[in-house]
Amino acid sequence: MGAAYPNQKYTVAIKGNKVNLNWTGLKGKQLCITGIFELYKERPEIEVTEPDQINLKIK
């Protein structure tokens, strides 16, 4: 988010297989992520643990 890895402003992390979503067709789409920022390795991150934290933004 904000720049290419490793210079991003923050990270949205989906670790392991906690969230089972159909990711096909999402590349390049705008998403709305909800959650609480926490520091991970001194960088802000939202860890997604539930599918309802991710919503496709439709124009």
PDB file of N, CA and C in Angstrom:
ATOM      1  N   MET A   1       0.835  -1.178   0.000  1.00  0.00           N
ATOM      2  CA  MET A   1       0.000   0.000   0.000  1.00  0.00           C
ATOM      3  C   MET A   1       0.878   1.239   0.000  1.00  0.00           C
ATOM      4  N   GLY A   2       0.711   2.086  -0.975  1.00  0.00           N
ATOM      5  CA  GLY A   2       1.439   3.335  -1.026  1.00  0.00           C
ATOM      6  C   GLY A   2       2.748   3.270  -1.786  1.00  0.00           C
ATOM      7  N   ALA A   3       3.344   2.101  -1.891  1.00  0.00           N
ATOM      8  CA  ALA A   3       4.586   1.917  -2.655  1.00  0.00           C
ATOM      9  C   ALA A   3       4.830   0.413  -2.776  1.00  0.00           C
ATOM     10  N   ALA A   4       5.768   0.064  -3.627  1.00  0.00           N
ATOM     11  CA  ALA A   4       6.101  -1.356  -3.801  1.00  0.00           C
ATOM     12  C   ALA A   4       6.926  -1.858  -2.618  1.00  0.00           C
ATOM     13  N   TYR A   5       6.741  -3.126  -2.273  1.00  0.00           N
ATOM     14  CA  TYR A   5       7.515  -3.771  -1.211  1.00  0.00           C
ATOM     15  C   TYR A   5       8.996  -3.625  -1.518  1.00  0.00           C
ATOM     16  N   PRO A   6       9.826  -3.278  -0.597  1.00  0.00           N
ATOM     17  CA  PRO A   6       9.644  -3.170   0.854  1.00  0.00           C
ATOM     18  C   PRO A   6       9.415  -1.747   1.334  1.00  0.00           C
ATOM     19  N   ASN A   7       9.001  -0.840   0.459  1.00  0.00           N
ATOM     20  CA  ASN A   7       8.851   0.571   0.826  1.00  0.00           C
ATOM     21  C   ASN A   7       7.401   0.989   1.029  1.00  0.00           C
ATOM     22  N   GLN A   8       6.525   0.039   1.270  1.00  0.00           N
ATOM     23  CA  GLN A   8       5.111   0.360   1.463  1.00  0.00           C
ATOM     24  C   GLN A   8       4.905   1.133   2.758  1.00  0.00           C
ATOM     25  N   LYS A   9       3.812   1.916   2.791  1.00  0.00           N
ATOM     26  CA  LYS A   9       3.496   2.690   3.991  1.00  0.00           C
ATOM     27  C   LYS A   9       2.939   1.806   5.086  1.00  0.00           C
ATOM     28  N   TYR A  10       2.166   0.791   4.701  1.00  0.00           N
ATOM     29  CA  TYR A  10       1.625  -0.163   5.662  1.00  0.00           C
ATOM     30  C   TYR A  10       1.315  -1.455   4.927  1.00  0.00           C
ATOM     31  N   THR A  11       1.010  -2.490   5.678  1.00  0.00           N
ATOM     32  CA  THR A  11       0.788  -3.819   5.120  1.00  0.00           C
ATOM     33  C   THR A  11      -0.567  -4.341   5.547  1.00  0.00           C
ATOM     34  N   VAL A  12      -1.222  -5.054   4.653  1.00  0.00           N
ATOM     35  CA  VAL A  12      -2.397  -5.841   4.990  1.00  0.00           C
ATOM     36  C   VAL A  12      -1.934  -7.288   4.929  1.00  0.00           C
ATOM     37  N   ALA A  13      -1.949  -7.974   6.056  1.00  0.00           N
ATOM     38  CA  ALA A  13      -1.416  -9.331   6.135  1.00  0.00           C
ATOM     39  C   ALA A  13      -2.534 -10.353   6.285  1.00  0.00           C
ATOM     40  N   ILE A  14      -2.482 -11.364   5.433  1.00  0.00           N
ATOM     41  CA  ILE A  14      -3.378 -12.517   5.539  1.00  0.00           C
ATOM     42  C   ILE A  14      -2.456 -13.706   5.706  1.00  0.00           C
ATOM     43  N   LYS A  15      -2.289 -14.130   6.937  1.00  0.00           N
ATOM     44  CA  LYS A  15      -1.286 -15.138   7.257  1.00  0.00           C
ATOM     45  C   LYS A  15      -1.891 -16.538   7.256  1.00  0.00           C
ATOM     46  N   GLY A  16      -1.164 -17.464   6.646  1.00  0.00           N
ATOM     47  CA  GLY A  16      -1.648 -18.841   6.578  1.00  0.00           C
ATOM     48  C   GLY A  16      -2.906 -18.929   5.753  1.00  0.00           C
ATOM     49  N   ASN A  17      -3.825 -19.771   6.167  1.00  0.00           N
ATOM     50  CA  ASN A  17      -5.085 -19.928   5.439  1.00  0.00           C
ATOM     51  C   ASN A  17      -6.268 -19.549   6.323  1.00  0.00           C
ATOM     52  N   LYS A  18      -6.099 -18.459   7.097  1.00  0.00           N
ATOM     53  CA  LYS A  18      -7.166 -18.001   7.992  1.00  0.00           C
ATOM     54  C   LYS A  18      -8.379 -17.494   7.230  1.00  0.00           C
ATOM     55  N   VAL A  19      -8.153 -16.921   6.054  1.00  0.00           N
ATOM     56  CA  VAL A  19      -9.239 -16.328   5.277  1.00  0.00           C
ATOM     57  C   VAL A  19      -9.319 -17.062   3.946  1.00  0.00           C
ATOM     58  N   ASN A  20     -10.430 -17.723   3.720  1.00  0.00           N
ATOM     59  CA  ASN A  20     -10.622 -18.477   2.496  1.00  0.00           C
ATOM     60  C   ASN A  20     -11.524 -17.675   1.562  1.00  0.00           C
ATOM     61  N   LEU A  21     -10.912 -16.997   0.594  1.00  0.00           N
ATOM     62  CA  LEU A  21     -11.647 -16.187  -0.366  1.00  0.00           C
ATOM     63  C   LEU A  21     -11.254 -16.598  -1.773  1.00  0.00           C
ATOM     64  N   ASN A  22     -12.096 -16.280  -2.727  1.00  0.00           N
ATOM     65  CA  ASN A  22     -11.768 -16.485  -4.130  1.00  0.00           C
ATOM     66  C   ASN A  22     -11.004 -15.254  -4.608  1.00  0.00           C
ATOM     67  N   TRP A  23      -9.691 -15.366  -4.758  1.00  0.00           N
ATOM     68  CA  TRP A  23      -8.834 -14.234  -5.100  1.00  0.00           C
ATOM     69  C   TRP A  23      -8.781 -13.984  -6.605  1.00  0.00           C
ATOM     70  N   THR A  24      -9.355 -14.883  -7.405  1.00  0.00           N
ATOM     71  CA  THR A  24      -9.330 -14.737  -8.851  1.00  0.00           C
ATOM     72  C   THR A  24     -10.008 -13.434  -9.256  1.00  0.00           C
ATOM     73  N   GLY A  25      -9.337 -12.658 -10.065  1.00  0.00           N
ATOM     74  CA  GLY A  25      -9.922 -11.428 -10.574  1.00  0.00           C
ATOM     75  C   GLY A  25      -9.796 -10.215  -9.675  1.00  0.00           C
ATOM     76  N   LEU A  26      -9.109 -10.326  -8.532  1.00  0.00           N
ATOM     77  CA  LEU A  26      -8.976  -9.175  -7.635  1.00  0.00           C
ATOM     78  C   LEU A  26      -7.753  -8.313  -7.935  1.00  0.00           C
ATOM     79  N   LYS A  27      -6.797  -8.841  -8.717  1.00  0.00           N
ATOM     80  CA  LYS A  27      -5.587  -8.075  -9.010  1.00  0.00           C
ATOM     81  C   LYS A  27      -5.958  -6.781  -9.709  1.00  0.00           C
ATOM     82  N   GLY A  28      -5.444  -5.671  -9.182  1.00  0.00           N
ATOM     83  CA  GLY A  28      -5.703  -4.364  -9.748  1.00  0.00           C
ATOM     84  C   GLY A  28      -7.007  -3.718  -9.298  1.00  0.00           C
ATOM     85  N   LYS A  29      -7.793  -4.418  -8.497  1.00  0.00           N
ATOM     86  CA  LYS A  29      -9.066  -3.880  -8.006  1.00  0.00           C
ATOM     87  C   LYS A  29      -8.841  -3.121  -6.704  1.00  0.00           C
ATOM     88  N   GLN A  30      -9.733  -2.192  -6.414  1.00  0.00           N
ATOM     89  CA  GLN A  30      -9.677  -1.472  -5.148  1.00  0.00           C
ATOM     90  C   GLN A  30     -10.431  -2.262  -4.093  1.00  0.00           C
ATOM     91  N   LEU A  31      -9.802  -2.435  -2.942  1.00  0.00           N
ATOM     92  CA  LEU A  31     -10.408  -3.146  -1.826  1.00  0.00           C
ATOM     93  C   LEU A  31     -10.546  -2.215  -0.633  1.00  0.00           C
ATOM     94  N   CYS A  32     -11.520  -2.478   0.198  1.00  0.00           N
ATOM     95  CA  CYS A  32     -11.679  -1.784   1.468  1.00  0.00           C
ATOM     96  C   CYS A  32     -11.380  -2.799   2.565  1.00  0.00           C
ATOM     97  N   ILE A  33     -10.370  -2.512   3.366  1.00  0.00           N
ATOM     98  CA  ILE A  33      -9.946  -3.406   4.446  1.00  0.00           C
ATOM     99  C   ILE A  33     -10.247  -2.726   5.767  1.00  0.00           C
ATOM    100  N   THR A  34     -10.885  -3.447   6.676  1.00  0.00           N
ATOM    101  CA  THR A  34     -11.139  -2.902   8.007  1.00  0.00           C
ATOM    102  C   THR A  34     -10.337  -3.695   9.033  1.00  0.00           C
ATOM    103  N   GLY A  35      -9.887  -2.998  10.047  1.00  0.00           N
ATOM    104  CA  GLY A  35      -9.120  -3.656  11.099  1.00  0.00           C
ATOM    105  C   GLY A  35      -8.361  -2.630  11.910  1.00  0.00           C
ATOM    106  N   ILE A  36      -7.568  -3.117  12.818  1.00  0.00           N
ATOM    107  CA  ILE A  36      -6.788  -2.263  13.711  1.00  0.00           C
ATOM    108  C   ILE A  36      -5.318  -2.358  13.324  1.00  0.00           C
ATOM    109  N   PHE A  37      -4.687  -1.195  13.178  1.00  0.00           N
ATOM    110  CA  PHE A  37      -3.261  -1.180  12.884  1.00  0.00           C
ATOM    111  C   PHE A  37      -2.474  -1.579  14.130  1.00  0.00           C
ATOM    112  N   GLU A  38      -1.497  -2.444  13.921  1.00  0.00           N
ATOM    113  CA  GLU A  38      -0.542  -2.812  14.953  1.00  0.00           C
ATOM    114  C   GLU A  38       0.842  -2.757  14.331  1.00  0.00           C
ATOM    115  N   LEU A  39       1.858  -2.553  15.130  1.00  0.00           N
ATOM    116  CA  LEU A  39       3.213  -2.544  14.604  1.00  0.00           C
ATOM    117  C   LEU A  39       3.735  -3.970  14.492  1.00  0.00           C
ATOM    118  N   TYR A  40       4.307  -4.278  13.346  1.00  0.00           N
ATOM    119  CA  TYR A  40       4.968  -5.556  13.105  1.00  0.00           C
ATOM    120  C   TYR A  40       6.320  -5.229  12.488  1.00  0.00           C
ATOM    121  N   LYS A  41       7.380  -5.571  13.175  1.00  0.00           N
ATOM    122  CA  LYS A  41       8.738  -5.228  12.744  1.00  0.00           C
ATOM    123  C   LYS A  41       8.857  -3.728  12.483  1.00  0.00           C
ATOM    124  N   GLU A  42       8.300  -2.946  13.416  1.00  0.00           N
ATOM    125  CA  GLU A  42       8.363  -1.480  13.395  1.00  0.00           C
ATOM    126  C   GLU A  42       7.609  -0.846  12.230  1.00  0.00           C
ATOM    127  N   ARG A  43       6.683  -1.590  11.600  1.00  0.00           N
ATOM    128  CA  ARG A  43       5.877  -1.047  10.502  1.00  0.00           C
ATOM    129  C   ARG A  43       4.410  -1.309  10.777  1.00  0.00           C
ATOM    130  N   PRO A  44       3.517  -0.361  10.400  1.00  0.00           N
ATOM    131  CA  PRO A  44       2.089  -0.554  10.631  1.00  0.00           C
ATOM    132  C   PRO A  44       1.511  -1.660   9.742  1.00  0.00           C
ATOM    133  N   GLU A  45       0.645  -2.466  10.345  1.00  0.00           N
ATOM    134  CA  GLU A  45       0.066  -3.608   9.646  1.00  0.00           C
ATOM    135  C   GLU A  45      -1.335  -3.890  10.172  1.00  0.00           C
ATOM    136  N   ILE A  46      -2.235  -4.292   9.263  1.00  0.00           N
ATOM    137  CA  ILE A  46      -3.537  -4.823   9.645  1.00  0.00           C
ATOM    138  C   ILE A  46      -3.500  -6.305   9.330  1.00  0.00           C
ATOM    139  N   GLU A  47      -3.767  -7.145  10.308  1.00  0.00           N
ATOM    140  CA  GLU A  47      -3.849  -8.580  10.062  1.00  0.00           C
ATOM    141  C   GLU A  47      -5.317  -8.951   9.851  1.00  0.00           C
ATOM    142  N   VAL A  48      -5.620  -9.468   8.673  1.00  0.00           N
ATOM    143  CA  VAL A  48      -6.973  -9.882   8.339  1.00  0.00           C
ATOM    144  C   VAL A  48      -7.185 -11.297   8.875  1.00  0.00           C
ATOM    145  N   THR A  49      -8.230 -11.453   9.706  1.00  0.00           N
ATOM    146  CA  THR A  49      -8.521 -12.764  10.287  1.00  0.00           C
ATOM    147  C   THR A  49      -9.900 -13.284   9.904  1.00  0.00           C
ATOM    148  N   GLU A  50     -10.725 -12.407   9.328  1.00  0.00           N
ATOM    149  CA  GLU A  50     -12.090 -12.779   8.942  1.00  0.00           C
ATOM    150  C   GLU A  50     -12.380 -12.274   7.530  1.00  0.00           C
ATOM    151  N   PRO A  51     -13.088 -13.059   6.713  1.00  0.00           N
ATOM    152  CA  PRO A  51     -13.397 -12.628   5.346  1.00  0.00           C
ATOM    153  C   PRO A  51     -14.171 -11.316   5.271  1.00  0.00           C
ATOM    154  N   ASP A  52     -14.989 -11.008   6.266  1.00  0.00           N
ATOM    155  CA  ASP A  52     -15.789  -9.780   6.205  1.00  0.00           C
ATOM    156  C   ASP A  52     -14.955  -8.511   6.423  1.00  0.00           C
ATOM    157  N   GLN A  53     -13.658  -8.650   6.702  1.00  0.00           N
ATOM    158  CA  GLN A  53     -12.766  -7.501   6.795  1.00  0.00           C
ATOM    159  C   GLN A  53     -12.346  -7.009   5.406  1.00  0.00           C
ATOM    160  N   ILE A  54     -12.617  -7.786   4.364  1.00  0.00           N
ATOM    161  CA  ILE A  54     -12.220  -7.447   3.001  1.00  0.00           C
ATOM    162  C   ILE A  54     -13.465  -7.242   2.166  1.00  0.00           C
ATOM    163  N   ASN A  55     -13.580  -6.065   1.555  1.00  0.00           N
ATOM    164  CA  ASN A  55     -14.719  -5.764   0.691  1.00  0.00           C
ATOM    165  C   ASN A  55     -14.214  -5.180  -0.613  1.00  0.00           C
ATOM    166  N   LEU A  56     -14.750  -5.648  -1.721  1.00  0.00           N
ATOM    167  CA  LEU A  56     -14.417  -5.112  -3.034  1.00  0.00           C
ATOM    168  C   LEU A  56     -15.101  -3.773  -3.202  1.00  0.00           C
ATOM    169  N   LYS A  57     -14.343  -2.750  -3.550  1.00  0.00           N
ATOM    170  CA  LYS A  57     -14.908  -1.416  -3.741  1.00  0.00           C
ATOM    171  C   LYS A  57     -15.449  -1.339  -5.159  1.00  0.00           C
ATOM    172  N   ILE A  58     -16.748  -1.108  -5.266  1.00  0.00           N
ATOM    173  CA  ILE A  58     -17.398  -1.021  -6.564  1.00  0.00           C
ATOM    174  C   ILE A  58     -17.719   0.444  -6.841  1.00  0.00           C
ATOM    175  N   LYS A  59     -17.298   0.909  -8.012  1.00  0.00           N
ATOM    176  CA  LYS A  59     -17.504   2.321  -8.373  1.00  0.00           C
ATOM    177  C   LYS A  59     -18.930   2.573  -8.764  1.00  0.00           C
TER     178      LYS A  59
END
